[in-house]
Amino acid sequence: MNSPFVFDVSGLVHSSTAQRRTLTGPSPARIGAAMIAIEEGEKVTVEALVTPLGTGVLVDAQVQATLRGQCVRCLAELHQEGDFHINQFFADSADVVVHEEGSDDDEAEEIPQIVDDRVDIQQAVTDEVGLTLPFNPTCPEGCAQDESAAPAPDGVSGEDEGSLPDPRWAGLEKFL
């Protein structure tokens, strides 16, 4: 299976010209939040500008895919188009300087590497999708207005709440 997130940069690393690349293919994994995501196998289109920077390459990409999930209010199926922007630098060696010594950053950021003349932006896509998508997605036009289509919040519909036993004391009935 060819991943739409892997780009061949073999001739580009020591070049001086940027190249525009477009890849389309199935998503190699489920990417997103629990209630909405790009499902594994879903068609993904990546339009990227790959720019050589001497010590590596910069991938500036637009990722488009269909998001599938459920509305957290009415549990209706959601099918939305997702559009995400990725901007990631890949180093051609581990010797790339990322910050000056003695700076305030205690944690050095790990720079992704070019491996076998290929770059993989899947982790950058996963990070961007995770930060962009809502954890609690809802229907874009609002949930169904018909009250019978949505379940009651307590799971009981049509009963008078005043006649229901207090749930705190309901367990004591067996002792009476």
N, C-alpha and C. Protein backbone atom coordinates (compact mmCIF):
# COMPACT_ATOMS: atom_id res chain seq x y z
N MET A 1 0.85 -1.18 0.00
CA MET A 1 0.00 0.00 0.00
C MET A 1 0.89 1.24 0.00
N ASN A 2 0.69 2.13 -0.94
CA ASN A 2 1.45 3.37 -1.01
C ASN A 2 0.79 4.42 -0.15
N SER A 3 1.56 5.01 0.73
CA SER A 3 1.04 6.04 1.61
C SER A 3 1.08 7.39 0.90
N PRO A 4 0.01 8.17 1.00
CA PRO A 4 0.04 9.52 0.40
C PRO A 4 0.88 10.50 1.21
N PHE A 5 1.43 10.04 2.33
CA PHE A 5 2.22 10.91 3.20
C PHE A 5 3.73 10.76 3.00
N VAL A 6 4.17 9.85 2.13
CA VAL A 6 5.59 9.60 1.93
C VAL A 6 6.03 10.17 0.58
N PHE A 7 7.03 11.05 0.62
CA PHE A 7 7.55 11.70 -0.59
C PHE A 7 8.98 11.27 -0.84
N ASP A 8 9.30 10.99 -2.10
CA ASP A 8 10.66 10.66 -2.50
C ASP A 8 11.38 11.98 -2.78
N VAL A 9 12.48 12.22 -2.06
CA VAL A 9 13.23 13.46 -2.22
C VAL A 9 14.67 13.20 -2.68
N SER A 10 14.90 12.05 -3.34
CA SER A 10 16.26 11.65 -3.70
C SER A 10 16.99 12.68 -4.55
N GLY A 11 16.39 13.24 -5.55
CA GLY A 11 17.08 14.21 -6.40
C GLY A 11 16.92 15.63 -5.92
N LEU A 12 16.16 15.83 -4.88
CA LEU A 12 15.82 17.19 -4.45
C LEU A 12 16.72 17.73 -3.35
N VAL A 13 17.33 16.87 -2.56
CA VAL A 13 18.07 17.30 -1.38
C VAL A 13 19.20 18.27 -1.74
N HIS A 14 19.94 17.98 -2.81
CA HIS A 14 21.07 18.83 -3.19
C HIS A 14 20.73 19.71 -4.39
N SER A 15 19.47 19.95 -4.62
CA SER A 15 19.01 20.80 -5.71
C SER A 15 18.76 22.20 -5.17
N SER A 16 18.44 23.12 -6.05
CA SER A 16 18.12 24.48 -5.61
C SER A 16 16.71 24.88 -6.03
N THR A 17 15.96 23.95 -6.57
CA THR A 17 14.61 24.26 -7.06
C THR A 17 13.56 23.49 -6.28
N ALA A 18 12.51 24.19 -5.91
CA ALA A 18 11.38 23.55 -5.23
C ALA A 18 10.54 22.78 -6.24
N GLN A 19 9.91 21.73 -5.77
CA GLN A 19 9.04 20.94 -6.63
C GLN A 19 7.66 20.81 -6.01
N ARG A 20 6.66 20.90 -6.88
CA ARG A 20 5.29 20.71 -6.44
C ARG A 20 4.92 19.26 -6.71
N ARG A 21 4.38 18.59 -5.68
CA ARG A 21 4.01 17.18 -5.82
C ARG A 21 2.59 16.99 -5.30
N THR A 22 1.87 16.08 -5.96
CA THR A 22 0.53 15.71 -5.52
C THR A 22 0.47 14.20 -5.41
N LEU A 23 0.06 13.72 -4.23
CA LEU A 23 -0.09 12.29 -4.00
C LEU A 23 -1.52 12.02 -3.53
N THR A 24 -2.08 10.94 -4.03
CA THR A 24 -3.41 10.51 -3.61
C THR A 24 -3.35 9.03 -3.28
N GLY A 25 -3.98 8.66 -2.19
CA GLY A 25 -3.99 7.26 -1.80
C GLY A 25 -4.79 7.05 -0.53
N PRO A 26 -4.86 5.81 -0.08
CA PRO A 26 -5.61 5.52 1.14
C PRO A 26 -4.81 5.90 2.39
N SER A 27 -5.52 6.33 3.40
CA SER A 27 -4.88 6.65 4.67
C SER A 27 -4.34 5.36 5.29
N PRO A 28 -3.07 5.33 5.71
CA PRO A 28 -2.49 4.10 6.27
C PRO A 28 -2.98 3.77 7.67
N ALA A 29 -3.62 4.75 8.34
CA ALA A 29 -4.10 4.53 9.71
C ALA A 29 -5.26 5.48 9.98
N ARG A 30 -5.99 5.24 11.05
CA ARG A 30 -7.05 6.14 11.48
C ARG A 30 -6.37 7.35 12.12
N ILE A 31 -6.75 8.55 11.68
CA ILE A 31 -6.10 9.76 12.16
C ILE A 31 -7.18 10.71 12.65
N GLY A 32 -7.17 11.03 13.95
CA GLY A 32 -8.13 11.98 14.46
C GLY A 32 -8.53 11.70 15.89
N ALA A 33 -9.66 12.31 16.28
CA ALA A 33 -10.18 12.17 17.63
C ALA A 33 -11.10 10.95 17.71
N ALA A 34 -11.61 10.68 18.90
CA ALA A 34 -12.44 9.49 19.11
C ALA A 34 -13.75 9.55 18.33
N MET A 35 -14.38 10.72 18.26
CA MET A 35 -15.70 10.82 17.64
C MET A 35 -15.68 11.23 16.17
N ILE A 36 -14.53 11.69 15.66
CA ILE A 36 -14.44 12.08 14.24
C ILE A 36 -12.98 11.95 13.80
N ALA A 37 -12.78 11.40 12.60
CA ALA A 37 -11.42 11.15 12.14
C ALA A 37 -11.39 10.85 10.66
N ILE A 38 -10.16 10.81 10.12
CA ILE A 38 -9.92 10.26 8.79
C ILE A 38 -9.78 8.76 9.01
N GLU A 39 -10.69 7.98 8.49
CA GLU A 39 -10.67 6.54 8.72
C GLU A 39 -9.56 5.87 7.92
N GLU A 40 -9.05 4.75 8.43
CA GLU A 40 -8.05 3.99 7.71
C GLU A 40 -8.62 3.54 6.38
N GLY A 41 -7.86 3.73 5.31
CA GLY A 41 -8.29 3.37 3.96
C GLY A 41 -9.05 4.47 3.24
N GLU A 42 -9.38 5.55 3.93
CA GLU A 42 -10.09 6.69 3.32
C GLU A 42 -9.16 7.40 2.34
N LYS A 43 -9.70 7.85 1.21
CA LYS A 43 -8.91 8.53 0.19
C LYS A 43 -8.39 9.87 0.74
N VAL A 44 -7.08 10.08 0.61
CA VAL A 44 -6.42 11.29 1.07
C VAL A 44 -5.65 11.89 -0.10
N THR A 45 -5.76 13.21 -0.27
CA THR A 45 -5.01 13.92 -1.31
C THR A 45 -4.06 14.90 -0.63
N VAL A 46 -2.78 14.82 -0.99
CA VAL A 46 -1.77 15.70 -0.42
C VAL A 46 -1.14 16.48 -1.57
N GLU A 47 -1.28 17.80 -1.52
CA GLU A 47 -0.63 18.69 -2.50
C GLU A 47 0.49 19.40 -1.75
N ALA A 48 1.73 19.13 -2.15
CA ALA A 48 2.87 19.64 -1.38
C ALA A 48 3.85 20.41 -2.26
N LEU A 49 4.49 21.37 -1.65
CA LEU A 49 5.62 22.07 -2.23
C LEU A 49 6.83 21.65 -1.40
N VAL A 50 7.76 20.92 -2.04
CA VAL A 50 8.94 20.41 -1.35
C VAL A 50 10.11 21.31 -1.74
N THR A 51 10.68 21.99 -0.75
CA THR A 51 11.73 22.98 -0.99
C THR A 51 13.04 22.53 -0.35
N PRO A 52 14.14 22.43 -1.13
CA PRO A 52 15.44 22.09 -0.54
C PRO A 52 15.99 23.29 0.21
N LEU A 53 16.57 23.03 1.39
CA LEU A 53 17.12 24.11 2.21
C LEU A 53 18.59 23.91 2.55
N GLY A 54 19.28 23.06 1.81
CA GLY A 54 20.71 22.84 2.05
C GLY A 54 20.96 21.72 3.04
N THR A 55 20.42 21.83 4.23
CA THR A 55 20.61 20.79 5.25
C THR A 55 19.39 19.88 5.38
N GLY A 56 18.47 20.03 4.47
CA GLY A 56 17.25 19.22 4.51
C GLY A 56 16.23 19.77 3.53
N VAL A 57 14.98 19.37 3.73
CA VAL A 57 13.90 19.86 2.87
C VAL A 57 12.74 20.33 3.74
N LEU A 58 12.01 21.30 3.21
CA LEU A 58 10.80 21.80 3.86
C LEU A 58 9.61 21.32 3.05
N VAL A 59 8.67 20.67 3.73
CA VAL A 59 7.46 20.20 3.07
C VAL A 59 6.31 21.08 3.54
N ASP A 60 5.72 21.81 2.60
CA ASP A 60 4.58 22.68 2.87
C ASP A 60 3.40 22.05 2.12
N ALA A 61 2.45 21.45 2.86
CA ALA A 61 1.43 20.63 2.21
C ALA A 61 0.03 20.98 2.66
N GLN A 62 -0.91 20.75 1.75
CA GLN A 62 -2.34 20.84 2.01
C GLN A 62 -2.87 19.42 1.94
N VAL A 63 -3.52 18.96 3.00
CA VAL A 63 -4.05 17.60 3.08
C VAL A 63 -5.57 17.68 3.07
N GLN A 64 -6.20 16.93 2.16
CA GLN A 64 -7.66 16.91 2.04
C GLN A 64 -8.15 15.48 2.15
N ALA A 65 -9.18 15.29 2.98
CA ALA A 65 -9.76 13.95 3.16
C ALA A 65 -11.16 14.09 3.72
N THR A 66 -11.94 13.02 3.59
CA THR A 66 -13.27 12.98 4.16
C THR A 66 -13.17 12.52 5.61
N LEU A 67 -13.81 13.27 6.48
CA LEU A 67 -13.85 12.93 7.90
C LEU A 67 -15.16 12.19 8.17
N ARG A 68 -15.08 11.15 8.96
CA ARG A 68 -16.26 10.38 9.33
C ARG A 68 -16.33 10.30 10.85
N GLY A 69 -17.57 10.37 11.36
CA GLY A 69 -17.74 10.29 12.80
C GLY A 69 -19.20 10.35 13.19
N GLN A 70 -19.44 10.75 14.45
CA GLN A 70 -20.78 10.85 14.97
C GLN A 70 -20.95 12.15 15.73
N CYS A 71 -22.15 12.71 15.64
CA CYS A 71 -22.50 13.89 16.42
C CYS A 71 -22.65 13.45 17.88
N VAL A 72 -22.08 14.21 18.81
CA VAL A 72 -22.16 13.83 20.21
C VAL A 72 -23.53 14.13 20.81
N ARG A 73 -24.35 14.94 20.15
CA ARG A 73 -25.67 15.26 20.69
C ARG A 73 -26.73 14.27 20.25
N CYS A 74 -26.78 13.98 18.94
CA CYS A 74 -27.87 13.13 18.42
C CYS A 74 -27.36 11.80 17.84
N LEU A 75 -26.05 11.58 17.84
CA LEU A 75 -25.41 10.37 17.33
C LEU A 75 -25.64 10.14 15.84
N ALA A 76 -25.96 11.20 15.11
CA ALA A 76 -26.10 11.09 13.65
C ALA A 76 -24.72 10.94 13.02
N GLU A 77 -24.68 10.22 11.89
CA GLU A 77 -23.42 10.04 11.17
C GLU A 77 -22.97 11.37 10.58
N LEU A 78 -21.68 11.67 10.70
CA LEU A 78 -21.11 12.88 10.13
C LEU A 78 -20.17 12.50 9.00
N HIS A 79 -20.28 13.22 7.88
CA HIS A 79 -19.38 13.07 6.74
C HIS A 79 -19.02 14.48 6.31
N GLN A 80 -17.80 14.90 6.64
CA GLN A 80 -17.37 16.26 6.33
C GLN A 80 -16.04 16.21 5.58
N GLU A 81 -15.80 17.23 4.79
CA GLU A 81 -14.50 17.34 4.13
C GLU A 81 -13.54 18.06 5.07
N GLY A 82 -12.38 17.48 5.24
CA GLY A 82 -11.35 18.09 6.08
C GLY A 82 -10.22 18.63 5.22
N ASP A 83 -9.70 19.79 5.61
CA ASP A 83 -8.62 20.44 4.88
C ASP A 83 -7.61 20.92 5.92
N PHE A 84 -6.38 20.40 5.86
CA PHE A 84 -5.38 20.68 6.88
C PHE A 84 -4.09 21.15 6.23
N HIS A 85 -3.39 22.08 6.89
CA HIS A 85 -2.13 22.61 6.37
C HIS A 85 -0.97 22.10 7.22
N ILE A 86 0.05 21.56 6.54
CA ILE A 86 1.23 20.99 7.20
C ILE A 86 2.46 21.75 6.72
N ASN A 87 3.34 22.08 7.65
CA ASN A 87 4.61 22.74 7.32
C ASN A 87 5.68 22.07 8.18
N GLN A 88 6.51 21.21 7.58
CA GLN A 88 7.45 20.40 8.35
C GLN A 88 8.82 20.39 7.68
N PHE A 89 9.87 20.58 8.48
CA PHE A 89 11.25 20.50 8.01
C PHE A 89 11.79 19.12 8.30
N PHE A 90 12.53 18.53 7.33
CA PHE A 90 13.18 17.23 7.49
C PHE A 90 14.67 17.43 7.25
N ALA A 91 15.50 16.99 8.21
CA ALA A 91 16.95 17.15 8.11
C ALA A 91 17.56 15.97 7.38
N ASP A 92 18.65 16.23 6.63
CA ASP A 92 19.33 15.12 5.94
C ASP A 92 20.40 14.47 6.81
N SER A 93 20.69 15.05 7.98
CA SER A 93 21.61 14.42 8.92
C SER A 93 21.22 14.83 10.34
N ALA A 94 21.76 14.13 11.31
CA ALA A 94 21.44 14.43 12.71
C ALA A 94 22.23 15.62 13.23
N ASP A 95 23.11 16.18 12.40
CA ASP A 95 23.98 17.28 12.83
C ASP A 95 23.33 18.66 12.69
N VAL A 96 22.06 18.71 12.34
CA VAL A 96 21.39 19.99 12.14
C VAL A 96 21.21 20.69 13.48
N VAL A 97 21.60 21.97 13.55
CA VAL A 97 21.48 22.75 14.78
C VAL A 97 20.04 23.25 14.88
N VAL A 98 19.39 22.94 16.02
CA VAL A 98 18.01 23.36 16.20
C VAL A 98 17.88 24.52 17.18
N HIS A 99 18.83 24.67 18.09
CA HIS A 99 18.83 25.80 19.01
C HIS A 99 20.24 25.97 19.57
N GLU A 100 20.46 27.14 20.13
CA GLU A 100 21.77 27.42 20.71
C GLU A 100 21.89 26.77 22.08
N GLU A 101 23.10 26.34 22.42
CA GLU A 101 23.31 25.79 23.75
C GLU A 101 23.17 26.91 24.77
N GLY A 102 22.64 26.55 25.92
CA GLY A 102 22.44 27.55 26.96
C GLY A 102 21.12 28.29 26.82
N SER A 103 20.32 27.95 25.84
CA SER A 103 19.02 28.60 25.70
C SER A 103 18.07 28.06 26.76
N ASP A 104 16.94 28.69 26.91
CA ASP A 104 15.97 28.33 27.95
C ASP A 104 15.26 27.01 27.69
N ASP A 105 15.31 26.50 26.47
CA ASP A 105 14.64 25.23 26.16
C ASP A 105 15.38 24.06 26.79
N ASP A 106 14.75 23.40 27.76
CA ASP A 106 15.34 22.21 28.36
C ASP A 106 15.15 21.00 27.48
N GLU A 107 14.04 20.97 26.77
CA GLU A 107 13.75 19.84 25.89
C GLU A 107 14.06 20.24 24.45
N ALA A 108 15.02 19.57 23.86
CA ALA A 108 15.34 19.83 22.46
C ALA A 108 14.29 19.15 21.59
N GLU A 109 13.76 19.90 20.64
CA GLU A 109 12.75 19.34 19.75
C GLU A 109 13.41 18.37 18.78
N GLU A 110 12.82 17.22 18.62
CA GLU A 110 13.34 16.20 17.73
C GLU A 110 12.99 16.57 16.29
N ILE A 111 13.99 16.73 15.45
CA ILE A 111 13.78 17.07 14.04
C ILE A 111 13.64 15.77 13.25
N PRO A 112 12.55 15.62 12.48
CA PRO A 112 12.41 14.41 11.66
C PRO A 112 13.53 14.32 10.63
N GLN A 113 13.92 13.10 10.30
CA GLN A 113 15.04 12.86 9.38
C GLN A 113 14.54 12.36 8.03
N ILE A 114 15.36 12.60 7.02
CA ILE A 114 15.14 11.99 5.71
C ILE A 114 15.70 10.58 5.81
N VAL A 115 14.87 9.58 5.56
CA VAL A 115 15.28 8.18 5.69
C VAL A 115 15.15 7.52 4.32
N ASP A 116 16.25 6.98 3.81
CA ASP A 116 16.28 6.31 2.50
C ASP A 116 15.72 7.21 1.40
N ASP A 117 16.13 8.47 1.42
CA ASP A 117 15.69 9.48 0.43
C ASP A 117 14.18 9.67 0.42
N ARG A 118 13.54 9.46 1.55
CA ARG A 118 12.09 9.65 1.67
C ARG A 118 11.77 10.44 2.94
N VAL A 119 10.70 11.22 2.86
CA VAL A 119 10.19 11.91 4.04
C VAL A 119 8.75 11.45 4.25
N ASP A 120 8.38 11.30 5.51
CA ASP A 120 7.04 10.83 5.87
C ASP A 120 6.38 11.89 6.74
N ILE A 121 5.32 12.53 6.23
CA ILE A 121 4.65 13.60 6.97
C ILE A 121 3.47 13.09 7.80
N GLN A 122 3.33 11.78 7.95
CA GLN A 122 2.18 11.24 8.67
C GLN A 122 2.10 11.75 10.11
N GLN A 123 3.22 11.84 10.81
CA GLN A 123 3.18 12.32 12.19
C GLN A 123 2.75 13.78 12.24
N ALA A 124 3.21 14.59 11.30
CA ALA A 124 2.80 16.00 11.25
C ALA A 124 1.31 16.11 10.95
N VAL A 125 0.80 15.25 10.07
CA VAL A 125 -0.63 15.23 9.76
C VAL A 125 -1.42 14.80 11.01
N THR A 126 -0.95 13.78 11.70
CA THR A 126 -1.62 13.32 12.91
C THR A 126 -1.68 14.43 13.96
N ASP A 127 -0.58 15.15 14.13
CA ASP A 127 -0.55 16.25 15.10
C ASP A 127 -1.53 17.35 14.71
N GLU A 128 -1.52 17.75 13.44
CA GLU A 128 -2.39 18.84 12.97
C GLU A 128 -3.86 18.46 13.07
N VAL A 129 -4.20 17.25 12.64
CA VAL A 129 -5.59 16.80 12.70
C VAL A 129 -6.04 16.72 14.15
N GLY A 130 -5.20 16.20 15.04
CA GLY A 130 -5.55 16.10 16.44
C GLY A 130 -5.77 17.44 17.10
N LEU A 131 -5.01 18.45 16.69
CA LEU A 131 -5.17 19.79 17.25
C LEU A 131 -6.34 20.55 16.64
N THR A 132 -6.71 20.22 15.41
CA THR A 132 -7.73 20.97 14.69
C THR A 132 -9.14 20.44 14.91
N LEU A 133 -9.30 19.13 14.91
CA LEU A 133 -10.64 18.55 15.02
C LEU A 133 -11.21 18.73 16.42
N PRO A 134 -12.54 18.91 16.50
CA PRO A 134 -13.16 19.01 17.83
C PRO A 134 -13.25 17.64 18.49
N PHE A 135 -13.13 17.59 19.81
CA PHE A 135 -13.30 16.33 20.53
C PHE A 135 -14.78 15.96 20.61
N ASN A 136 -15.65 16.97 20.55
CA ASN A 136 -17.08 16.76 20.62
C ASN A 136 -17.75 17.34 19.38
N PRO A 137 -17.68 16.65 18.24
CA PRO A 137 -18.27 17.19 17.01
C PRO A 137 -19.80 17.18 17.07
N THR A 138 -20.40 18.16 16.42
CA THR A 138 -21.85 18.23 16.33
C THR A 138 -22.26 18.40 14.88
N CYS A 139 -23.54 18.22 14.61
CA CYS A 139 -24.06 18.38 13.25
C CYS A 139 -23.77 19.80 12.76
N PRO A 140 -23.26 19.97 11.54
CA PRO A 140 -22.92 21.32 11.06
C PRO A 140 -24.13 22.26 10.98
N GLU A 141 -25.30 21.74 10.61
CA GLU A 141 -26.50 22.57 10.49
C GLU A 141 -27.34 22.52 11.76
N GLY A 142 -26.85 21.93 12.79
CA GLY A 142 -27.61 21.75 14.02
C GLY A 142 -28.29 20.38 14.00
N CYS A 143 -28.57 19.87 15.15
CA CYS A 143 -29.19 18.56 15.24
C CYS A 143 -30.64 18.62 14.81
N ALA A 144 -31.25 17.45 14.61
CA ALA A 144 -32.64 17.36 14.17
C ALA A 144 -33.54 18.10 15.15
N GLN A 145 -34.49 18.87 14.61
CA GLN A 145 -35.40 19.64 15.45
C GLN A 145 -36.52 18.77 16.02
N ASP A 146 -36.78 17.63 15.39
CA ASP A 146 -37.82 16.73 15.84
C ASP A 146 -37.34 16.05 17.12
N GLU A 147 -38.05 16.27 18.24
CA GLU A 147 -37.62 15.72 19.52
C GLU A 147 -37.66 14.20 19.55
N SER A 148 -38.51 13.59 18.73
CA SER A 148 -38.59 12.13 18.74
C SER A 148 -37.36 11.51 18.09
N ALA A 149 -36.62 12.28 17.28
CA ALA A 149 -35.43 11.76 16.61
C ALA A 149 -34.24 11.69 17.56
N ALA A 150 -34.24 12.53 18.60
CA ALA A 150 -33.13 12.54 19.54
C ALA A 150 -33.56 11.88 20.84
N PRO A 151 -32.71 11.05 21.43
CA PRO A 151 -33.08 10.42 22.70
C PRO A 151 -33.16 11.44 23.83
N ALA A 152 -34.01 11.17 24.80
CA ALA A 152 -34.11 12.04 25.96
C ALA A 152 -32.80 11.96 26.74
N PRO A 153 -32.41 13.04 27.41
CA PRO A 153 -31.14 13.03 28.12
C PRO A 153 -31.03 11.93 29.17
N ASP A 154 -32.14 11.59 29.83
CA ASP A 154 -32.08 10.55 30.86
C ASP A 154 -32.41 9.17 30.33
N GLY A 155 -32.68 9.06 29.03
CA GLY A 155 -33.00 7.78 28.44
C GLY A 155 -34.44 7.37 28.62
N VAL A 156 -35.23 8.18 29.33
CA VAL A 156 -36.64 7.89 29.57
C VAL A 156 -37.43 9.03 28.96
N SER A 157 -38.32 8.71 28.05
CA SER A 157 -39.11 9.77 27.45
C SER A 157 -40.59 9.53 27.72
N GLY A 158 -41.32 10.59 27.91
CA GLY A 158 -42.76 10.49 28.09
C GLY A 158 -43.20 10.22 29.51
N GLU A 159 -42.33 10.04 30.46
CA GLU A 159 -42.72 9.79 31.84
C GLU A 159 -42.64 11.09 32.63
N ASP A 160 -43.54 11.20 33.60
CA ASP A 160 -43.56 12.37 34.46
C ASP A 160 -42.41 12.26 35.46
N GLU A 161 -41.51 13.23 35.43
CA GLU A 161 -40.34 13.16 36.30
C GLU A 161 -40.70 13.26 37.77
N GLY A 162 -41.85 13.89 38.08
CA GLY A 162 -42.25 14.02 39.48
C GLY A 162 -42.63 12.69 40.10
N SER A 163 -43.13 11.73 39.32
CA SER A 163 -43.55 10.44 39.86
C SER A 163 -42.41 9.42 39.92
N LEU A 164 -41.28 9.72 39.33
CA LEU A 164 -40.15 8.80 39.35
C LEU A 164 -39.47 8.84 40.72
N PRO A 165 -39.00 7.69 41.22
CA PRO A 165 -38.31 7.70 42.52
C PRO A 165 -36.96 8.41 42.40
N ASP A 166 -36.56 9.01 43.49
CA ASP A 166 -35.25 9.66 43.54
C ASP A 166 -34.19 8.58 43.39
N PRO A 167 -33.29 8.67 42.42
CA PRO A 167 -32.32 7.61 42.19
C PRO A 167 -31.39 7.38 43.40
N ARG A 168 -31.25 8.36 44.26
CA ARG A 168 -30.40 8.18 45.45
C ARG A 168 -31.02 7.21 46.45
N TRP A 169 -32.37 7.11 46.42
CA TRP A 169 -33.06 6.27 47.39
C TRP A 169 -33.66 5.02 46.74
N ALA A 170 -33.51 4.89 45.42
CA ALA A 170 -34.16 3.77 44.72
C ALA A 170 -33.66 2.42 45.19
N GLY A 171 -32.43 2.29 45.61
CA GLY A 171 -31.87 1.03 46.07
C GLY A 171 -32.42 0.57 47.40
N LEU A 172 -33.03 1.49 48.16
CA LEU A 172 -33.56 1.13 49.48
C LEU A 172 -34.93 0.45 49.41
N GLU A 173 -35.58 0.47 48.24
CA GLU A 173 -36.91 -0.14 48.10
C GLU A 173 -36.91 -1.61 48.43
N LYS A 174 -35.81 -2.30 48.17
CA LYS A 174 -35.77 -3.74 48.40
C LYS A 174 -35.77 -4.07 49.89
N PHE A 175 -35.46 -3.11 50.76
CA PHE A 175 -35.45 -3.34 52.19
C PHE A 175 -36.81 -3.04 52.83
N LEU A 176 -37.75 -2.47 52.08
CA LEU A 176 -39.07 -2.11 52.65
C LEU A 176 -40.05 -3.24 52.55
